[in-house]
Amino acid sequence: MKSIFTAFFWAFFTAFSLLGTSAHSAAKVNPPRQFFPVYNYQDDWLVYNEQYKNYVPFSQGVNEGTHFASLYIDLVKNRRYSLLVYSDNDSYLFLEGALQNRIDGGKWQELNLDSLYRLYRKDELLLTLYGSAGIGDKTVIICNKKTQADSQNTTPARSGFINIKPISFSPFGTFAGIALIIILILNAWIFNLNPLSFIRLLNPIEFFNNDPRDQLSKINKPYSNTVIFFVVISSMMMGFTVIYLSINRLNLFSVSTILSEKVNTLQILGDFFILSLIFFLLIYAKYIFMVLTGNMLNLDKQVDIIFIKIVQSSYLFYALIFLVIFALYSNHINWLDASRPYVLLPFLFFYLARFIGLYVVAKPAGSLINLYLFSYLCVIEIIPLIVSMKFAL
């Protein structure tokens, strides 16, 4: 009996050993030899969820049928590394929603992360692969390049990007069109209400008119209908500018604390009207402060003239800003990332130029310098400008 058990044990052990030697592990995709793998994104794949309007982790058995799979690549943490992309089947590579090039099946494609950071100026980059269903045939690895030798199996990314960008359906585009219609309607209303004053306020040459017998302030007071409407439109264009910068992650004066998440057009419109009301109240609060300061410096006769010219210049400047933003956004021109450090310079130059222009226009004829007027303009223009620049960012 013992001999039978011993024979059976050895027969089972021999058969198990033979089966073990004949078994093969699953095929594993390794990067080319000149690359040392640092991190594999195989467990980080994401898919876009229509319900949550955001990217969610890829789920086996739920998202197997999807042909799109995405990853967020940290460009700051992985500087000086290379990103290798591989697919068993022919696929298409998208970066930030823009088609870049085609990935041939069975070949690695190399992307330099330093070059991507300089190109996109973002901390994280959205990478999307479109090809066969699922993620089993897709591999994305961060690697360190050990040598400069080219591998026969590696296909460097082509320098000329295709840049076929998808049509943007951002709610800001719809909001911009609605804001343009509202502003045009208000302008038409003012023109029908008082065409002569409208044309004169719209004329930049009138800003430099210092003839005491033909001043705009004689027929237009700060509380007249025409001036109030000009202030309303200027406030709307200021609000539009702030919302545009906020959507592009430039949070001036921390306005995001009072704004919504801007997920739809109605929320952006609500923020637009709130900001317009705030700017309208601030402009007339400035007028009240101008009246009080002008009475102290015996310049009460100049207050209305200066305020009308402030309203006129603000309208013209922010109308130009509004039209530039609308045109650039409509043509999908991404200019803000490259000019982000200098975005406040046009505002700084405008307010400094307006300060000089107001002094030249309001200064009595024949006098070299008027210290009272100079001090008055410093209080109402320069001090608010310094405080605003300090807390703008």
Foldseek 3Di string as FASTA:
>chain_A
DVVVVVVVVVVVVVVVVVVVVPDDDDDDDDDDPQWDFDDWCLQAKWDQDPVVRGIDGDDPPPQQQDQKIKGKDFLVVQAQWKKKKAFQDKKWKDKPQWTFGIDHHQAIEIDHSVVVCVVPVDRIIMMMIGDGGDCPGIIMTIIHRNDPDDDPRYDYRDPDGPGPHDDDPAQLLVLLVVLVVVLVVLLVVLCVVPVVLSVLLQDPVLLQDQDPVDASCVVDFCPDPNNLSLLLSLQLLVLNVQLVCVVVVQHFLVCVVVADPRRHNVSSVVSSVVSSVVSSVVLVVLLVVLCVLCVVLVNNVCSRRLSSSVSSLSSNVSVVVSVVVSVCVVVVNPDCSVCVVPPCVVVVVSLVVSLVSSLNSSPDPPDPDDPSSNVSSCVSRVVVVVVSVVSGD
